[in-house]
Each structure stands twice: as structure tokens, then as C-alpha cells.
Protein backbone atom coordinates (compact mmCIF):
# COMPACT_ATOMS: atom_id res chain seq x y z
CA MET A 1 168.83 -82.50 -151.85
CA ASN A 2 171.22 -85.23 -152.65
CA THR A 3 172.63 -85.56 -148.56
CA ARG A 4 169.03 -86.10 -147.52
CA TYR A 5 168.49 -88.70 -150.02
CA VAL A 6 171.52 -90.43 -149.07
CA LEU A 7 170.83 -89.78 -145.32
CA THR A 8 167.27 -91.21 -145.93
CA LEU A 9 168.66 -93.99 -147.73
CA CYS A 10 171.24 -94.68 -145.03
CA ALA A 11 168.82 -94.97 -142.35
CA ALA A 12 166.31 -97.33 -144.43
CA LEU A 13 169.10 -99.50 -144.97
CA VAL A 14 170.22 -99.49 -141.24
CA ILE A 15 166.52 -100.18 -139.91
CA GLY A 16 165.74 -103.04 -142.53
CA GLY A 17 169.02 -104.40 -141.90
CA SER A 18 168.29 -104.57 -138.19
CA LEU A 19 164.59 -106.42 -138.69
CA ILE A 20 165.93 -109.24 -140.92
CA ALA A 21 169.02 -109.74 -138.72
CA GLY A 22 166.52 -109.91 -135.97
CA SER A 23 163.98 -112.11 -137.79
CA VAL A 24 166.81 -114.46 -138.42
CA HIS A 25 167.71 -114.52 -135.06
CA ALA A 26 164.30 -115.37 -133.81
CA LEU A 27 164.14 -118.01 -136.44
CA ASP A 28 167.22 -119.61 -135.16
CA LYS A 29 165.72 -119.52 -131.73
CA ALA A 30 162.50 -120.72 -132.59
CA ASN A 31 164.35 -123.93 -134.56
CA GLU A 32 166.16 -124.37 -131.01
CA LYS A 33 162.81 -125.00 -129.35
CA THR A 34 160.94 -126.90 -131.66
CA PRO A 35 160.86 -130.40 -130.64
CA ILE A 36 161.54 -132.80 -133.88
CA ASN A 37 158.68 -135.37 -133.47
CA ASP A 38 157.35 -138.05 -135.68
CA THR A 39 154.52 -136.17 -136.89
CA TRP A 40 156.83 -133.41 -138.04
CA LEU A 41 159.34 -135.97 -139.75
CA THR A 42 156.45 -137.68 -141.22
CA ALA A 43 155.18 -134.08 -142.72
CA LYS A 44 158.80 -132.97 -143.90
CA THR A 45 159.56 -136.43 -145.84
CA LYS A 46 156.27 -136.23 -147.55
CA ILE A 47 156.91 -132.55 -148.69
CA ALA A 48 160.36 -133.40 -150.05
CA LEU A 49 159.40 -136.23 -151.89
CA PHE A 50 156.03 -134.49 -153.12
CA ALA A 51 158.39 -131.57 -154.30
CA ASN A 52 160.66 -133.88 -156.20
CA ALA A 53 159.10 -134.08 -160.06
CA ARG A 54 160.98 -137.76 -160.66
CA ILE A 55 159.34 -139.12 -157.75
CA LYS A 56 155.57 -139.26 -157.73
CA GLY A 57 155.41 -138.57 -154.11
CA SER A 58 151.64 -138.50 -153.78
CA GLU A 59 152.03 -142.32 -154.46
CA ILE A 60 154.06 -142.98 -151.82
CA THR A 61 153.21 -143.30 -147.89
CA VAL A 62 155.46 -142.13 -145.14
CA GLU A 63 155.43 -143.17 -141.37
CA THR A 64 157.72 -142.70 -138.87
CA SER A 65 158.11 -144.00 -135.47
CA GLN A 66 161.01 -143.20 -132.95
CA GLY A 67 162.68 -141.07 -135.85
CA SER A 68 162.77 -144.24 -138.19
CA VAL A 69 160.68 -143.43 -141.50
CA THR A 70 159.45 -146.02 -143.28
CA ILE A 71 158.57 -145.36 -147.22
CA ARG A 72 155.76 -147.60 -149.11
CA GLY A 73 154.07 -146.91 -152.64
CA LYS A 74 154.91 -147.63 -156.14
CA VAL A 75 157.86 -145.86 -158.33
CA ASP A 76 158.39 -146.11 -162.03
CA SER A 77 162.13 -147.03 -161.75
CA ASP A 78 165.18 -148.27 -159.33
CA VAL A 79 166.60 -144.88 -159.89
CA ALA A 80 163.46 -143.21 -158.23
CA LYS A 81 163.37 -145.66 -155.25
CA GLN A 82 167.05 -145.00 -154.65
CA MET A 83 166.41 -140.94 -154.63
CA ALA A 84 163.04 -141.55 -152.59
CA GLY A 85 165.42 -143.26 -149.97
CA GLU A 86 168.16 -140.53 -149.95
CA ILE A 87 165.51 -137.65 -149.82
CA ALA A 88 164.13 -139.24 -146.58
CA LYS A 89 167.58 -139.82 -145.30
CA GLY A 90 168.46 -136.22 -145.91
CA ILE A 91 165.82 -135.11 -143.68
CA ASP A 92 167.00 -133.37 -140.47
CA GLY A 93 165.88 -135.85 -137.48
CA VAL A 94 165.78 -139.12 -139.35
CA LYS A 95 167.66 -141.89 -137.69
CA THR A 96 167.02 -144.78 -140.17
CA VAL A 97 164.90 -145.03 -143.23
CA LYS A 98 163.23 -148.46 -144.48
CA ASN A 99 162.88 -148.22 -148.07
CA ASP A 100 159.68 -150.66 -149.10
CA LEU A 101 159.07 -149.01 -152.34
CA GLN A 102 157.87 -151.06 -154.92
CA VAL A 103 159.21 -150.78 -158.87
CA ILE A 104 156.13 -150.91 -161.11
CA ALA A 105 156.22 -149.58 -164.61
CA ARG A 106 153.55 -147.11 -164.99
CA THR A 107 151.47 -149.45 -167.79
CA LYS A 108 151.21 -152.35 -165.27
CA ARG A 109 150.26 -150.17 -162.33
CA GLU A 110 146.47 -149.59 -163.38
CA ALA A 111 145.91 -153.30 -163.20
CA THR A 112 147.68 -153.69 -160.34
CA ASP A 113 145.48 -150.91 -158.36
CA ASP A 114 142.33 -152.31 -158.82
CA LYS A 115 143.70 -155.73 -157.62
CA ASP A 116 145.50 -154.16 -154.63
CA GLU A 117 142.40 -152.25 -153.36
CA THR A 118 140.36 -155.69 -153.45
CA ILE A 119 142.82 -157.43 -151.91
CA THR A 120 142.86 -155.05 -149.08
CA ALA A 121 139.49 -155.07 -148.45
CA ARG A 122 139.35 -158.54 -148.36
CA VAL A 123 142.07 -158.45 -145.81
CA ILE A 124 140.28 -156.00 -143.65
CA GLU A 125 137.19 -158.35 -143.79
CA GLN A 126 139.45 -161.30 -142.47
CA ILE A 127 140.68 -159.39 -139.84
CA ALA A 128 137.39 -157.94 -138.78
CA LYS A 129 135.93 -161.48 -138.32
CA ASP A 130 138.83 -162.61 -135.92
CA SER A 131 137.88 -162.28 -132.78
CA TYR A 132 141.38 -162.04 -131.48
CA LEU A 133 142.26 -159.41 -133.96
CA LYS A 134 139.24 -157.27 -134.70
CA GLN A 135 140.11 -155.04 -131.73
CA ALA A 136 143.66 -154.70 -132.65
CA GLY A 137 143.44 -151.80 -134.88
CA ILE A 138 145.84 -153.10 -137.70
CA ALA A 139 146.52 -150.71 -140.47
CA VAL A 140 146.62 -152.53 -143.61
CA GLN A 141 148.10 -151.54 -146.99
CA THR A 142 148.73 -153.49 -150.42
CA PHE A 143 151.03 -152.88 -153.06
CA ALA A 144 151.46 -155.29 -156.10
CA GLY A 145 149.71 -158.34 -153.67
CA VAL A 146 152.18 -157.48 -150.99
CA VAL A 147 150.29 -157.08 -147.90
CA SER A 148 152.09 -154.52 -145.18
CA LEU A 149 150.41 -154.62 -141.60
CA SER A 150 151.41 -151.83 -139.51
CA GLY A 151 150.40 -150.99 -135.84
CA GLU A 152 150.42 -152.00 -132.42
CA VAL A 153 149.02 -155.35 -131.13
CA VAL A 154 148.95 -156.83 -127.45
CA ASN A 155 151.57 -159.76 -128.31
CA LEU A 156 153.46 -161.66 -130.14
CA MET A 157 150.74 -163.99 -130.91
CA ALA A 158 148.52 -161.38 -132.27
CA SER A 159 151.21 -160.65 -134.36
CA ALA A 160 151.47 -164.14 -135.60
CA GLN A 161 147.71 -164.57 -135.84
CA ALA A 162 147.58 -161.73 -138.03
CA SER A 163 149.93 -162.80 -140.32
CA TRP A 164 148.56 -166.00 -140.71
CA THR A 165 145.18 -164.52 -141.44
CA VAL A 166 146.25 -162.58 -144.08
CA TRP A 167 148.21 -165.62 -145.87
CA GLN A 168 144.68 -167.21 -146.24
CA VAL A 169 143.27 -164.32 -148.15
CA PRO A 170 143.13 -164.83 -152.08
CA GLY A 171 145.49 -162.80 -154.24
CA VAL A 172 148.09 -162.03 -151.20
CA LYS A 173 151.41 -162.51 -152.67
CA SER A 174 153.90 -161.81 -149.67
CA VAL A 175 153.11 -160.39 -146.26
CA LYS A 176 155.32 -157.60 -144.52
CA ASN A 177 154.61 -157.98 -140.57
CA ASP A 178 155.54 -154.11 -139.44
CA LEU A 179 153.48 -154.81 -136.34
CA THR A 180 154.95 -153.69 -132.64
CA MET A 181 153.96 -154.90 -129.37
CA LYS A 182 152.20 -152.68 -127.00
CA GLU A 183 154.59 -151.87 -124.06
CA LYS A 184 153.25 -153.25 -120.50
CA THR A 185 152.85 -150.30 -118.01
């Protein structure tokens, strides 16, 4: 009876070990073939930030372009800002990290959030009124009165026009122009 039990246990261990080894080998092969693209990097960075209890990841936006990650949003402390940058840098495939996080105490944040939504709405309205910019597809985000513009525009003139238009909106403290030029085909 003991011999039968030992043989059954050994057979189960051998079969289980083979299945585990095969799964690990298959996982390694899948990772080799899986391309690391911007969408994957954005998702992986968001997950890593959200998983950290000290950084409120849901209050941080992540954008990725050609392996370069930009993080924006609001955090409570300089330590949280630095930690978020380090987490983003630690993601496999990330080439560079632009840390545009703003440190705003939680008590001041609620008053700022309402104002930011209003400023964003005004900026979008101004861009929509401008015949040169309204078809450009410019994304707008506002954090503590600082308006960030992202997307692609046809030329440098459109980028400059966007910055100038945003500066004219009441409540805008600063403009971060991250607009890129469309490549000519």
C-alpha cells in the first residue's frame, strides 16, 4: 500500500512539474513575440501607479508616444511625485518619463478641481471658435490653472496659434504646449 502511494505521488509530481515547466516556457515565448507598443506601456504604467497606495493613480493621466511616457495630474507631496516618476521609469520598454505631476495639498485640491473643469471648458470653447484650430483634434487638460495641450497639428503656426488662443482664456496661469507636427507623407 505504501509503495503504491509513493509511486502515485511521484507520478503526480512528474506530470505536474512537466505542466508547470511547459507553461513557463510558453509564457517566455509569448513575451518574446508580444510587441511592446505605446498602448501597452500606457496601460502597464497606469496599473503600476494605481496599485501604489501612496500615489492616487486614479488622479494621474498617462500618455505614451514612441516609448516616452508623460504623467500628469495631482499628487499630495513631492515624495509621491518622485515615486510616480520612478514607477513609470521602472516599466519595461519605457524609454523616457516626463513627470508633469503637480503637488497640491488635498485640502486645496477640491477648490482647484472645480476651477480646472471650468477653465478646460472655456479653452475647448475658444479652440472650437477658431476656424484654424477647430479641426485639429487638440486634447486639453487643466491642472491648477496650467493648461496642457496635446495632439497633432499640421504645422508650427497651428501650434503657436493654439498657445496664443489658450493664453487669452480667463483663469489660465500657464500653457504647456506638447503638440506635435504631423509628418508629411
